[in-house]
Each structure stands twice: as C-alpha cells, then as structure tokens.
Amino acid sequence: MTERLRSSDRLAKLIRLLASDQAGEVVAAAAAIKRALAAEGTDLNAFADALIRPQPTQEPRPPPREANWHRVACECQARSNRLSQREQAFIDSIVDWTALRPPTERQAAWLTAIYRRLRCD
C-alpha cells in the first residue's frame, strides 16, 4: 500500500511539472511519466481512461472461491482491449494455462484483480 502511495505521489509531482515554463522540463516530465506508468504495467492511454472512468459505488464481487478459472480468463480476454500490453500478454497465456490446470496462487491473484477491474468498468 505505501509503495502504491509513493508511486502515486511521484506521478502527481511529475504531472505538476508539465505546467513548467521551461520546455525541457515539460519534455523530461512527460518522459518520466511514461517510464513511471510503464513500471506499473500501464501506459498513458490506460491512465487517461482511469481518470475519466466513474468510480464503482460498491465493492465488486470476486470470482467464486471454486472459480472456473478458464471462464474467468476467457472473460478477461474478451475485454483485453482495455488492458495494458503486459496484462494482455498475461491473459493470453493464462487462458491456455487454465484450460489444462488451475492457476498458481500468484496467477490467481493477478487474474482476480484484472477480472474485478474489468467487471467494474
């Protein structure tokens, strides 16, 4: 959580630098923003979408504990145009993986997070 807050604080500072009167600072800030977003596994398009996306009014329901992981992965893949390239690559690979076996704990956590976000949008 604190790491997420630190990256948000850094991103906020970089965005404020875009208002500089110095062209070099603006260009450097834009490049730094792109790098910071890439480090988070996203890009400027997804960031802009997140800014205008209405916030959910209630906590989304997670996939059931005994989830059909392949179905969940396929649902995410159907909406993959709203994901970063890194997330798209993960979803494409996990669709094949879950056709044969359940995901690992880390894979399930990431798949669940993507699923929740896509179901809220």
N, C-alpha and C. Protein backbone atom coordinates (compact mmCIF):
# COMPACT_ATOMS: atom_id res chain seq x y z
N MET A 1 0.82 -1.19 0.00
CA MET A 1 0.00 0.00 0.00
C MET A 1 0.86 1.26 0.00
N THR A 2 1.87 1.31 0.88
CA THR A 2 2.71 2.50 0.92
C THR A 2 3.51 2.66 -0.36
N GLU A 3 3.90 1.53 -0.98
CA GLU A 3 4.62 1.62 -2.25
C GLU A 3 3.71 2.22 -3.32
N ARG A 4 2.44 1.84 -3.30
CA ARG A 4 1.47 2.37 -4.26
C ARG A 4 1.28 3.87 -4.03
N LEU A 5 1.23 4.28 -2.76
CA LEU A 5 1.08 5.70 -2.45
C LEU A 5 2.30 6.49 -2.91
N ARG A 6 3.49 5.91 -2.70
CA ARG A 6 4.71 6.59 -3.13
C ARG A 6 4.73 6.78 -4.64
N SER A 7 4.31 5.77 -5.40
CA SER A 7 4.30 5.91 -6.85
C SER A 7 3.24 6.92 -7.28
N SER A 8 2.12 6.99 -6.57
CA SER A 8 1.09 7.99 -6.87
C SER A 8 1.60 9.39 -6.58
N ASP A 9 2.32 9.55 -5.46
CA ASP A 9 2.89 10.86 -5.12
C ASP A 9 3.90 11.29 -6.18
N ARG A 10 4.73 10.35 -6.61
CA ARG A 10 5.74 10.67 -7.63
C ARG A 10 5.06 11.07 -8.93
N LEU A 11 4.03 10.34 -9.31
CA LEU A 11 3.30 10.64 -10.54
C LEU A 11 2.63 12.01 -10.45
N ALA A 12 2.08 12.35 -9.30
CA ALA A 12 1.46 13.66 -9.11
C ALA A 12 2.49 14.78 -9.26
N LYS A 13 3.68 14.58 -8.71
CA LYS A 13 4.75 15.58 -8.84
C LYS A 13 5.16 15.75 -10.30
N LEU A 14 5.27 14.64 -11.01
CA LEU A 14 5.65 14.70 -12.42
C LEU A 14 4.58 15.41 -13.26
N ILE A 15 3.34 15.15 -12.96
CA ILE A 15 2.26 15.81 -13.70
C ILE A 15 2.30 17.32 -13.47
N ARG A 16 2.60 17.72 -12.24
CA ARG A 16 2.70 19.16 -11.95
C ARG A 16 3.83 19.82 -12.74
N LEU A 17 4.88 19.07 -13.03
CA LEU A 17 5.99 19.62 -13.81
C LEU A 17 5.58 19.93 -15.25
N LEU A 18 4.50 19.36 -15.72
CA LEU A 18 4.03 19.65 -17.07
C LEU A 18 3.60 21.11 -17.22
N ALA A 19 3.34 21.79 -16.11
CA ALA A 19 2.94 23.19 -16.13
C ALA A 19 4.13 24.15 -16.16
N SER A 20 5.34 23.62 -16.20
CA SER A 20 6.54 24.45 -16.19
C SER A 20 6.62 25.35 -17.42
N ASP A 21 7.27 26.49 -17.25
CA ASP A 21 7.52 27.39 -18.36
C ASP A 21 8.73 26.94 -19.17
N GLN A 22 9.49 26.01 -18.64
CA GLN A 22 10.70 25.52 -19.30
C GLN A 22 10.36 24.31 -20.17
N ALA A 23 10.54 24.44 -21.48
CA ALA A 23 10.18 23.36 -22.40
C ALA A 23 10.92 22.06 -22.08
N GLY A 24 12.18 22.17 -21.70
CA GLY A 24 12.95 20.98 -21.37
C GLY A 24 12.39 20.23 -20.18
N GLU A 25 11.91 20.95 -19.17
CA GLU A 25 11.31 20.32 -18.00
C GLU A 25 10.03 19.60 -18.39
N VAL A 26 9.26 20.20 -19.28
CA VAL A 26 8.00 19.59 -19.71
C VAL A 26 8.27 18.28 -20.44
N VAL A 27 9.23 18.31 -21.35
CA VAL A 27 9.57 17.10 -22.11
C VAL A 27 10.11 16.02 -21.18
N ALA A 28 10.99 16.41 -20.26
CA ALA A 28 11.55 15.44 -19.31
C ALA A 28 10.46 14.86 -18.41
N ALA A 29 9.52 15.70 -17.99
CA ALA A 29 8.42 15.23 -17.14
C ALA A 29 7.54 14.24 -17.90
N ALA A 30 7.25 14.54 -19.15
CA ALA A 30 6.43 13.63 -19.95
C ALA A 30 7.11 12.28 -20.10
N ALA A 31 8.41 12.29 -20.37
CA ALA A 31 9.15 11.03 -20.50
C ALA A 31 9.17 10.28 -19.17
N ALA A 32 9.33 10.99 -18.07
CA ALA A 32 9.35 10.36 -16.75
C ALA A 32 7.98 9.77 -16.41
N ILE A 33 6.92 10.44 -16.80
CA ILE A 33 5.57 9.92 -16.57
C ILE A 33 5.39 8.61 -17.32
N LYS A 34 5.82 8.58 -18.57
CA LYS A 34 5.70 7.36 -19.37
C LYS A 34 6.49 6.22 -18.72
N ARG A 35 7.69 6.51 -18.21
CA ARG A 35 8.50 5.48 -17.55
C ARG A 35 7.83 4.99 -16.27
N ALA A 36 7.29 5.93 -15.49
CA ALA A 36 6.63 5.55 -14.23
C ALA A 36 5.41 4.68 -14.49
N LEU A 37 4.64 5.02 -15.51
CA LEU A 37 3.47 4.21 -15.84
C LEU A 37 3.88 2.83 -16.35
N ALA A 38 4.92 2.79 -17.16
CA ALA A 38 5.41 1.50 -17.67
C ALA A 38 5.87 0.60 -16.53
N ALA A 39 6.49 1.20 -15.52
CA ALA A 39 6.93 0.43 -14.36
C ALA A 39 5.75 -0.18 -13.60
N GLU A 40 4.58 0.47 -13.71
CA GLU A 40 3.37 -0.03 -13.08
C GLU A 40 2.61 -0.99 -13.99
N GLY A 41 3.14 -1.19 -15.21
CA GLY A 41 2.50 -2.10 -16.15
C GLY A 41 1.36 -1.48 -16.92
N THR A 42 1.40 -0.17 -17.08
CA THR A 42 0.33 0.52 -17.80
C THR A 42 0.92 1.56 -18.73
N ASP A 43 0.07 2.34 -19.36
CA ASP A 43 0.54 3.38 -20.27
C ASP A 43 -0.34 4.62 -20.16
N LEU A 44 -0.03 5.64 -20.97
CA LEU A 44 -0.78 6.89 -20.91
C LEU A 44 -2.25 6.71 -21.26
N ASN A 45 -2.55 5.84 -22.22
CA ASN A 45 -3.94 5.63 -22.60
C ASN A 45 -4.76 5.05 -21.45
N ALA A 46 -4.22 4.05 -20.79
CA ALA A 46 -4.92 3.45 -19.65
C ALA A 46 -5.03 4.45 -18.50
N PHE A 47 -3.98 5.26 -18.32
CA PHE A 47 -4.01 6.28 -17.27
C PHE A 47 -5.12 7.29 -17.54
N ALA A 48 -5.24 7.75 -18.79
CA ALA A 48 -6.29 8.70 -19.15
C ALA A 48 -7.66 8.07 -18.96
N ASP A 49 -7.81 6.80 -19.34
CA ASP A 49 -9.08 6.11 -19.14
C ASP A 49 -9.44 6.05 -17.66
N ALA A 50 -8.45 5.78 -16.81
CA ALA A 50 -8.70 5.70 -15.38
C ALA A 50 -9.14 7.04 -14.80
N LEU A 51 -8.66 8.14 -15.38
CA LEU A 51 -9.04 9.46 -14.89
C LEU A 51 -10.50 9.78 -15.16
N ILE A 52 -11.02 9.28 -16.28
CA ILE A 52 -12.40 9.62 -16.63
C ILE A 52 -13.40 8.51 -16.28
N ARG A 53 -12.90 7.34 -15.87
CA ARG A 53 -13.76 6.22 -15.53
C ARG A 53 -14.52 6.52 -14.24
N PRO A 54 -15.84 6.32 -14.23
CA PRO A 54 -16.56 6.52 -12.98
C PRO A 54 -16.12 5.49 -11.94
N GLN A 55 -16.02 5.93 -10.71
CA GLN A 55 -15.60 5.04 -9.64
C GLN A 55 -16.77 4.14 -9.24
N PRO A 56 -16.49 2.86 -8.96
CA PRO A 56 -17.56 1.95 -8.56
C PRO A 56 -18.17 2.38 -7.23
N THR A 57 -19.46 2.20 -7.10
CA THR A 57 -20.15 2.59 -5.87
C THR A 57 -20.11 1.50 -4.82
N GLN A 58 -19.86 0.28 -5.22
CA GLN A 58 -19.75 -0.80 -4.26
C GLN A 58 -18.61 -1.72 -4.65
N GLU A 59 -18.15 -2.47 -3.69
CA GLU A 59 -17.04 -3.40 -3.92
C GLU A 59 -17.51 -4.49 -4.88
N PRO A 60 -16.77 -4.71 -5.97
CA PRO A 60 -17.17 -5.75 -6.90
C PRO A 60 -17.04 -7.13 -6.28
N ARG A 61 -17.83 -8.03 -6.75
CA ARG A 61 -17.74 -9.40 -6.24
C ARG A 61 -16.57 -10.11 -6.90
N PRO A 62 -15.78 -10.81 -6.10
CA PRO A 62 -14.66 -11.56 -6.69
C PRO A 62 -15.19 -12.81 -7.38
N PRO A 63 -14.37 -13.42 -8.18
CA PRO A 63 -14.80 -14.71 -8.72
C PRO A 63 -15.05 -15.67 -7.56
N PRO A 64 -15.94 -16.62 -7.74
CA PRO A 64 -16.21 -17.56 -6.63
C PRO A 64 -14.95 -18.30 -6.24
N ARG A 65 -14.91 -18.74 -4.99
CA ARG A 65 -13.72 -19.42 -4.47
C ARG A 65 -13.39 -20.65 -5.33
N GLU A 66 -14.40 -21.35 -5.74
CA GLU A 66 -14.21 -22.52 -6.61
C GLU A 66 -14.43 -22.09 -8.06
N ALA A 67 -13.76 -21.03 -8.44
CA ALA A 67 -13.99 -20.41 -9.75
C ALA A 67 -13.62 -21.34 -10.89
N ASN A 68 -14.35 -21.16 -11.98
CA ASN A 68 -13.96 -21.79 -13.23
C ASN A 68 -12.93 -20.83 -13.82
N TRP A 69 -11.68 -21.04 -13.51
CA TRP A 69 -10.63 -20.10 -13.87
C TRP A 69 -10.52 -19.89 -15.37
N HIS A 70 -10.78 -20.93 -16.12
CA HIS A 70 -10.71 -20.78 -17.57
C HIS A 70 -11.78 -19.81 -18.07
N ARG A 71 -12.98 -19.91 -17.51
CA ARG A 71 -14.06 -19.00 -17.89
C ARG A 71 -13.71 -17.56 -17.51
N VAL A 72 -13.16 -17.39 -16.32
CA VAL A 72 -12.75 -16.06 -15.86
C VAL A 72 -11.69 -15.49 -16.79
N ALA A 73 -10.70 -16.29 -17.15
CA ALA A 73 -9.63 -15.84 -18.05
C ALA A 73 -10.19 -15.48 -19.42
N CYS A 74 -11.13 -16.28 -19.91
CA CYS A 74 -11.73 -16.00 -21.22
C CYS A 74 -12.54 -14.71 -21.19
N GLU A 75 -13.25 -14.45 -20.09
CA GLU A 75 -13.98 -13.18 -19.97
C GLU A 75 -13.03 -12.00 -19.99
N CYS A 76 -11.91 -12.13 -19.32
CA CYS A 76 -10.90 -11.06 -19.32
C CYS A 76 -10.32 -10.89 -20.73
N GLN A 77 -10.08 -11.98 -21.40
CA GLN A 77 -9.52 -11.91 -22.75
C GLN A 77 -10.49 -11.21 -23.70
N ALA A 78 -11.78 -11.40 -23.50
CA ALA A 78 -12.78 -10.75 -24.35
C ALA A 78 -12.76 -9.23 -24.18
N ARG A 79 -12.27 -8.76 -23.05
CA ARG A 79 -12.19 -7.32 -22.78
C ARG A 79 -10.75 -6.83 -22.76
N SER A 80 -9.84 -7.59 -23.36
CA SER A 80 -8.42 -7.29 -23.24
C SER A 80 -8.00 -5.98 -23.91
N ASN A 81 -8.86 -5.42 -24.75
CA ASN A 81 -8.51 -4.12 -25.36
C ASN A 81 -8.42 -3.02 -24.32
N ARG A 82 -8.92 -3.25 -23.12
CA ARG A 82 -8.87 -2.26 -22.04
C ARG A 82 -7.71 -2.51 -21.09
N LEU A 83 -6.81 -3.42 -21.46
CA LEU A 83 -5.68 -3.78 -20.60
C LEU A 83 -4.37 -3.27 -21.18
N SER A 84 -3.37 -3.17 -20.33
CA SER A 84 -2.03 -2.83 -20.80
C SER A 84 -1.47 -4.00 -21.60
N GLN A 85 -0.40 -3.77 -22.32
CA GLN A 85 0.21 -4.85 -23.11
C GLN A 85 0.68 -5.99 -22.21
N ARG A 86 1.22 -5.64 -21.08
CA ARG A 86 1.70 -6.66 -20.13
C ARG A 86 0.54 -7.52 -19.62
N GLU A 87 -0.59 -6.86 -19.30
CA GLU A 87 -1.76 -7.60 -18.83
C GLU A 87 -2.34 -8.46 -19.95
N GLN A 88 -2.37 -7.92 -21.17
CA GLN A 88 -2.87 -8.69 -22.31
C GLN A 88 -2.06 -9.96 -22.51
N ALA A 89 -0.74 -9.83 -22.43
CA ALA A 89 0.13 -11.00 -22.60
C ALA A 89 -0.13 -12.03 -21.50
N PHE A 90 -0.32 -11.55 -20.28
CA PHE A 90 -0.62 -12.46 -19.17
C PHE A 90 -1.94 -13.18 -19.41
N ILE A 91 -2.97 -12.44 -19.79
CA ILE A 91 -4.29 -13.03 -20.01
C ILE A 91 -4.23 -14.05 -21.14
N ASP A 92 -3.54 -13.72 -22.22
CA ASP A 92 -3.42 -14.67 -23.34
C ASP A 92 -2.76 -15.98 -22.88
N SER A 93 -1.72 -15.86 -22.05
CA SER A 93 -1.04 -17.07 -21.59
C SER A 93 -1.87 -17.83 -20.56
N ILE A 94 -2.60 -17.12 -19.72
CA ILE A 94 -3.35 -17.79 -18.65
C ILE A 94 -4.59 -18.49 -19.20
N VAL A 95 -5.11 -18.02 -20.34
CA VAL A 95 -6.23 -18.72 -20.97
C VAL A 95 -5.79 -20.14 -21.34
N ASP A 96 -4.61 -20.25 -21.95
CA ASP A 96 -4.09 -21.57 -22.31
C ASP A 96 -3.78 -22.40 -21.06
N TRP A 97 -3.18 -21.76 -20.07
CA TRP A 97 -2.79 -22.43 -18.82
C TRP A 97 -4.02 -23.03 -18.12
N THR A 98 -5.07 -22.22 -17.97
CA THR A 98 -6.24 -22.66 -17.20
C THR A 98 -7.09 -23.67 -17.96
N ALA A 99 -6.84 -23.84 -19.25
CA ALA A 99 -7.54 -24.89 -19.99
C ALA A 99 -7.07 -26.27 -19.52
N LEU A 100 -5.87 -26.32 -18.94
CA LEU A 100 -5.29 -27.60 -18.52
C LEU A 100 -5.20 -27.78 -17.01
N ARG A 101 -5.05 -26.66 -16.27
CA ARG A 101 -4.84 -26.76 -14.81
C ARG A 101 -5.21 -25.43 -14.15
N PRO A 102 -5.43 -25.44 -12.85
CA PRO A 102 -5.73 -24.18 -12.16
C PRO A 102 -4.49 -23.29 -12.08
N PRO A 103 -4.71 -22.00 -11.92
CA PRO A 103 -3.56 -21.08 -11.82
C PRO A 103 -2.85 -21.24 -10.48
N THR A 104 -1.60 -20.79 -10.46
CA THR A 104 -0.88 -20.73 -9.19
C THR A 104 -1.51 -19.65 -8.33
N GLU A 105 -1.10 -19.56 -7.10
CA GLU A 105 -1.66 -18.56 -6.20
C GLU A 105 -1.43 -17.14 -6.72
N ARG A 106 -0.21 -16.87 -7.20
CA ARG A 106 0.11 -15.53 -7.74
C ARG A 106 -0.68 -15.25 -9.02
N GLN A 107 -0.78 -16.25 -9.89
CA GLN A 107 -1.55 -16.07 -11.11
C GLN A 107 -3.02 -15.80 -10.78
N ALA A 108 -3.55 -16.55 -9.83
CA ALA A 108 -4.95 -16.37 -9.45
C ALA A 108 -5.19 -14.98 -8.88
N ALA A 109 -4.25 -14.48 -8.09
CA ALA A 109 -4.40 -13.14 -7.51
C ALA A 109 -4.42 -12.08 -8.60
N TRP A 110 -3.51 -12.20 -9.56
CA TRP A 110 -3.45 -11.20 -10.64
C TRP A 110 -4.67 -11.32 -11.54
N LEU A 111 -5.08 -12.54 -11.86
CA LEU A 111 -6.26 -12.75 -12.69
C LEU A 111 -7.50 -12.20 -12.00
N THR A 112 -7.61 -12.42 -10.70
CA THR A 112 -8.75 -11.90 -9.95
C THR A 112 -8.76 -10.37 -9.96
N ALA A 113 -7.60 -9.75 -9.78
CA ALA A 113 -7.52 -8.28 -9.79
C ALA A 113 -7.94 -7.72 -11.15
N ILE A 114 -7.48 -8.34 -12.22
CA ILE A 114 -7.87 -7.89 -13.56
C ILE A 114 -9.36 -8.10 -13.77
N TYR A 115 -9.85 -9.27 -13.38
CA TYR A 115 -11.27 -9.59 -13.52
C TYR A 115 -12.14 -8.58 -12.78
N ARG A 116 -11.78 -8.28 -11.53
CA ARG A 116 -12.55 -7.30 -10.75
C ARG A 116 -12.56 -5.92 -11.44
N ARG A 117 -11.39 -5.49 -11.91
CA ARG A 117 -11.31 -4.18 -12.55
C ARG A 117 -12.15 -4.12 -13.82
N LEU A 118 -12.10 -5.17 -14.61
CA LEU A 118 -12.87 -5.18 -15.85
C LEU A 118 -14.37 -5.28 -15.60
N ARG A 119 -14.75 -5.96 -14.54
CA ARG A 119 -16.17 -6.10 -14.21
C ARG A 119 -16.74 -4.79 -13.65
N CYS A 120 -15.88 -3.93 -13.12
CA CYS A 120 -16.31 -2.65 -12.53
C CYS A 120 -16.48 -1.58 -13.61
N ASP A 121 -15.74 -1.70 -14.67
CA ASP A 121 -15.73 -0.65 -15.70
C ASP A 121 -17.05 -0.55 -16.41
